[in-house]
Amino acid sequence: MTPIAANLQAVNARIAAACAAASRPPGTVTLLAVSKSWPEASILAAAAAGQGDFGESYLQEALPKLDALADAGLEWHFIGPLQSNKTRPVAEHFDWVHSVERLKIAERLSAQRPATRPPLNVCLQVNVSGEASKSGCAPAEIMPLAHAVATLPGLRLRGLMTIPEPTEDETLLRSRFALLRQLRDELNDSGLALDTLSMGMSDDLETAIAEGATIVRVGTAIFGIRNQESL
């Protein structure tokens, strides 16, 4: 067994244990392997061990990988900040976008999604901790934004994403994840049908799953410490 395969096995065991602790059925949480800064060989090693979903943040780095691995049957998620001038390649090449925070970005993705491809799965990023340096819309802005995005052709609004501030305060962290779940529930009560909460990473996936995460984004626990020179 390769080191990456062993790491994947360990992460999947953590996810299964967290689901059991939260009385959630197994299989209700998708593991998204964050492969930014890692080469194609690492992605193929993870894929050979059964991993199918991969997350990338930097277009210049990601597009050659997507092209080289086009026949590998993988699902690609764009999880980084998205600027207006970068929407076209994301709309053309990715299956998911987790980081939509403005209607303008969603409108561009909608207009640029090829008609030959299925609708682009979209999550709206919410800044649950209110950090000025962090991407994401404010919780108070999510209701009108979600309803506007839900009407756009070529997109399928799936849910919400967040990256809380780093903290060792378990109660605070749990409250951040709980807020995202509450916002998702309010949106569904208003007539939408969202099924996705993208939250939780290597260090806090158990807490996120306890609060309803359906996608956890894990990089370090699978691939190791990133090579900073490649970032």
Protein backbone atom coordinates (compact mmCIF):
# COMPACT_ATOMS: atom_id res chain seq x y z
CA MET A 1 0.00 0.00 0.00
CA THR A 2 1.35 3.42 -0.96
CA PRO A 3 1.64 6.19 1.67
CA ILE A 4 -1.17 8.11 -0.02
CA ALA A 5 -3.39 5.02 -0.05
CA ALA A 6 -2.69 4.46 3.65
CA ASN A 7 -3.48 8.09 4.41
CA LEU A 8 -6.73 7.86 2.47
CA GLN A 9 -7.69 4.76 4.40
CA ALA A 10 -7.05 6.59 7.68
CA VAL A 11 -9.05 9.67 6.63
CA ASN A 12 -11.96 7.56 5.45
CA ALA A 13 -11.91 5.75 8.80
CA ARG A 14 -12.09 9.12 10.56
CA ILE A 15 -15.05 10.12 8.42
CA ALA A 16 -16.85 6.84 9.12
CA ALA A 17 -16.26 7.20 12.86
CA ALA A 18 -17.49 10.79 12.83
CA CYS A 19 -20.64 9.78 10.96
CA ALA A 20 -21.29 7.02 13.48
CA ALA A 21 -20.76 9.43 16.39
CA ALA A 22 -23.24 11.84 14.84
CA SER A 23 -25.76 9.05 14.11
CA ARG A 24 -25.48 9.75 10.40
CA PRO A 25 -25.67 7.02 7.77
CA PRO A 26 -22.34 6.00 6.27
CA GLY A 27 -21.78 7.46 2.85
CA THR A 28 -23.45 10.81 3.59
CA VAL A 29 -20.08 12.61 3.55
CA THR A 30 -17.95 12.98 0.42
CA LEU A 31 -14.19 13.23 0.80
CA LEU A 32 -12.72 15.93 -1.43
CA ALA A 33 -8.96 15.45 -1.79
CA VAL A 34 -7.34 18.89 -2.00
CA SER A 35 -4.64 18.31 -4.59
CA LYS A 36 -3.45 21.89 -5.15
CA SER A 37 0.36 22.03 -5.35
CA TRP A 38 0.56 18.25 -5.80
CA PRO A 39 1.66 16.64 -9.09
CA GLU A 40 -0.32 14.34 -11.34
CA ALA A 41 1.49 11.30 -9.92
CA SER A 42 0.10 12.02 -6.45
CA ILE A 43 -3.40 12.44 -7.82
CA LEU A 44 -3.12 9.17 -9.74
CA ALA A 45 -1.91 7.41 -6.59
CA ALA A 46 -5.00 8.66 -4.75
CA ALA A 47 -7.25 7.72 -7.66
CA ALA A 48 -5.76 4.21 -7.72
CA ALA A 49 -6.74 3.92 -4.05
CA GLY A 50 -10.35 4.76 -4.89
CA GLN A 51 -10.46 8.55 -4.50
CA GLY A 52 -12.60 10.23 -7.16
CA ASP A 53 -13.06 13.90 -6.15
CA PHE A 54 -10.21 16.40 -6.24
CA GLY A 55 -10.02 20.09 -5.33
CA GLU A 56 -7.84 22.73 -6.97
CA SER A 57 -7.40 26.43 -6.16
CA TYR A 58 -4.96 27.84 -8.72
CA LEU A 59 -6.02 27.81 -12.37
CA GLN A 60 -2.54 28.11 -13.86
CA GLU A 61 -1.53 24.97 -12.01
CA ALA A 62 -4.83 23.11 -12.29
CA LEU A 63 -5.61 23.29 -16.00
CA PRO A 64 -2.61 21.22 -17.18
CA LYS A 65 -3.53 18.57 -14.61
CA LEU A 66 -7.14 18.44 -15.75
CA ASP A 67 -5.98 18.10 -19.34
CA ALA A 68 -3.43 15.37 -18.55
CA LEU A 69 -5.92 13.42 -16.44
CA ALA A 70 -8.95 13.97 -18.66
CA ASP A 71 -9.45 10.24 -19.20
CA ALA A 72 -9.10 9.25 -15.52
CA GLY A 73 -12.81 9.68 -14.74
CA LEU A 74 -12.23 12.15 -11.92
CA GLU A 75 -14.54 14.85 -10.56
CA TRP A 76 -12.89 18.26 -10.34
CA HIS A 77 -13.83 20.96 -7.81
CA PHE A 78 -12.59 24.54 -7.92
CA ILE A 79 -12.25 25.69 -4.32
CA GLY A 80 -10.13 28.85 -4.47
CA PRO A 81 -11.08 32.53 -4.76
CA LEU A 82 -12.52 33.24 -8.19
CA GLN A 83 -11.99 36.51 -10.04
CA SER A 84 -14.10 37.69 -12.96
CA ASN A 85 -11.30 37.22 -15.49
CA LYS A 86 -10.85 33.57 -14.47
CA THR A 87 -14.45 32.36 -14.73
CA ARG A 88 -14.35 31.04 -18.31
CA PRO A 89 -11.80 28.23 -17.84
CA VAL A 90 -13.50 27.25 -14.59
CA ALA A 91 -16.89 27.13 -16.31
CA GLU A 92 -15.44 25.10 -19.16
CA HIS A 93 -13.37 22.55 -17.25
CA PHE A 94 -14.62 21.99 -13.70
CA ASP A 95 -17.56 20.00 -12.33
CA TRP A 96 -17.99 22.02 -9.12
CA VAL A 97 -17.22 25.52 -7.85
CA HIS A 98 -17.28 25.99 -4.06
CA SER A 99 -16.26 29.64 -3.88
CA VAL A 100 -18.97 31.79 -5.48
CA GLU A 101 -19.51 34.90 -3.35
CA ARG A 102 -20.97 37.44 -5.79
CA LEU A 103 -23.81 37.37 -8.29
CA LYS A 104 -21.52 38.73 -11.02
CA ILE A 105 -19.29 35.66 -10.74
CA ALA A 106 -22.28 33.32 -10.90
CA GLU A 107 -23.66 35.15 -13.94
CA ARG A 108 -20.36 34.80 -15.77
CA LEU A 109 -20.11 31.10 -14.93
CA SER A 110 -23.66 30.63 -16.18
CA ALA A 111 -23.01 32.44 -19.46
CA GLN A 112 -19.72 30.63 -20.04
CA ARG A 113 -20.76 27.06 -19.15
CA PRO A 114 -20.68 25.01 -22.38
CA ALA A 115 -24.10 23.74 -23.43
CA THR A 116 -22.52 20.35 -24.08
CA ARG A 117 -21.65 19.91 -20.40
CA PRO A 118 -23.98 19.17 -17.47
CA PRO A 119 -24.91 22.09 -15.22
CA LEU A 120 -22.02 23.35 -13.11
CA ASN A 121 -22.51 22.46 -9.45
CA VAL A 122 -22.15 25.61 -7.36
CA CYS A 123 -21.73 26.36 -3.66
CA LEU A 124 -21.93 29.87 -2.24
CA GLN A 125 -19.06 30.77 0.07
CA VAL A 126 -20.14 32.35 3.35
CA ASN A 127 -17.81 34.25 5.68
CA VAL A 128 -19.24 32.87 8.92
CA SER A 129 -16.51 34.40 11.10
CA GLY A 130 -16.74 37.93 9.70
CA GLU A 131 -13.01 38.20 9.02
CA ALA A 132 -12.16 41.18 6.83
CA SER A 133 -9.38 39.22 5.13
CA LYS A 134 -11.52 36.22 4.27
CA SER A 135 -13.54 35.60 1.11
CA GLY A 136 -17.24 34.91 1.21
CA CYS A 137 -20.47 36.83 1.46
CA ALA A 138 -21.89 37.91 4.79
CA PRO A 139 -24.56 35.63 6.30
CA ALA A 140 -27.11 38.45 5.98
CA GLU A 141 -26.54 38.54 2.21
CA ILE A 142 -26.98 34.86 1.51
CA MET A 143 -30.77 34.74 1.04
CA PRO A 144 -31.06 37.15 -1.94
CA LEU A 145 -27.81 35.87 -3.47
CA ALA A 146 -28.91 32.23 -3.33
CA HIS A 147 -32.30 32.92 -4.87
CA ALA A 148 -30.70 34.91 -7.69
CA VAL A 149 -28.09 32.23 -8.42
CA ALA A 150 -30.72 29.49 -8.35
CA THR A 151 -32.42 31.02 -11.42
CA LEU A 152 -29.32 31.04 -13.63
CA PRO A 153 -29.16 28.54 -16.51
CA GLY A 154 -26.17 26.24 -16.75
CA LEU A 155 -25.71 26.19 -12.99
CA ARG A 156 -27.06 23.95 -10.25
CA LEU A 157 -26.99 25.60 -6.85
CA ARG A 158 -26.04 22.78 -4.48
CA GLY A 159 -25.34 24.46 -1.17
CA LEU A 160 -22.94 26.50 0.94
CA MET A 161 -19.22 26.48 1.74
CA THR A 162 -17.21 28.06 4.53
CA ILE A 163 -13.68 28.28 5.94
CA PRO A 164 -13.89 29.41 9.58
CA GLU A 165 -11.03 31.19 11.29
CA PRO A 166 -8.36 28.91 12.77
CA THR A 167 -9.18 28.30 16.43
CA GLU A 168 -8.61 25.77 19.18
CA ASP A 169 -11.93 26.78 20.75
CA GLU A 170 -14.10 23.77 19.92
CA THR A 171 -17.29 25.53 20.99
CA LEU A 172 -16.59 28.51 18.74
CA LEU A 173 -15.65 26.28 15.81
CA ARG A 174 -18.78 24.21 16.20
CA SER A 175 -20.90 27.37 16.27
CA ARG A 176 -19.37 28.49 12.96
CA PHE A 177 -20.29 25.22 11.28
CA ALA A 178 -23.73 25.27 12.91
CA LEU A 179 -24.36 28.72 11.44
CA LEU A 180 -23.72 27.43 7.93
CA ARG A 181 -26.14 24.57 8.49
CA GLN A 182 -28.73 27.00 9.84
CA LEU A 183 -28.36 29.21 6.78
CA ARG A 184 -28.78 26.17 4.50
CA ASP A 185 -31.93 25.15 6.38
CA GLU A 186 -33.36 28.68 6.11
CA LEU A 187 -32.73 28.69 2.38
CA ASN A 188 -34.49 25.35 2.02
CA ASP A 189 -37.41 26.63 4.09
CA SER A 190 -37.64 29.54 1.64
CA GLY A 191 -38.18 27.19 -1.30
CA LEU A 192 -34.72 26.12 -2.43
CA ALA A 193 -33.49 22.50 -2.41
CA LEU A 194 -29.88 22.57 -1.25
CA ASP A 195 -28.14 19.33 -0.31
CA THR A 196 -24.52 20.36 0.25
CA LEU A 197 -22.50 21.78 3.14
CA SER A 198 -18.83 22.02 2.13
CA MET A 199 -17.02 22.52 5.43
CA GLY A 200 -14.29 20.90 7.47
CA MET A 201 -10.65 20.14 6.66
CA SER A 202 -7.85 17.92 7.93
CA ASP A 203 -7.85 19.26 11.49
CA ASP A 204 -11.57 19.75 12.09
CA LEU A 205 -13.51 17.34 9.88
CA GLU A 206 -15.05 15.54 12.87
CA THR A 207 -16.56 18.78 14.19
CA ALA A 208 -17.84 19.69 10.74
CA ILE A 209 -19.46 16.29 10.27
CA ALA A 210 -21.13 16.58 13.68
CA GLU A 211 -22.75 19.78 12.40
CA GLY A 212 -23.88 18.33 9.08
CA ALA A 213 -21.01 18.60 6.58
CA THR A 214 -21.64 16.66 3.37
CA ILE A 215 -18.24 17.46 1.78
CA VAL A 216 -14.99 17.68 3.74
CA ARG A 217 -11.97 19.18 2.01
CA VAL A 218 -8.79 17.35 3.05
CA GLY A 219 -5.30 17.92 1.70
CA THR A 220 -2.54 17.57 4.29
CA ALA A 221 -3.91 14.40 5.90
CA ILE A 222 -3.89 12.72 2.47
CA PHE A 223 -0.89 14.12 0.62
CA GLY A 224 1.29 15.50 3.43
CA ILE A 225 2.76 18.97 3.91
CA ARG A 226 2.63 21.00 0.73
CA ASN A 227 5.74 22.13 -1.07
CA GLN A 228 5.57 25.87 -0.40
CA GLU A 229 7.75 26.65 -3.42
CA SER A 230 4.96 25.46 -5.70
CA LEU A 231 2.33 27.79 -4.17
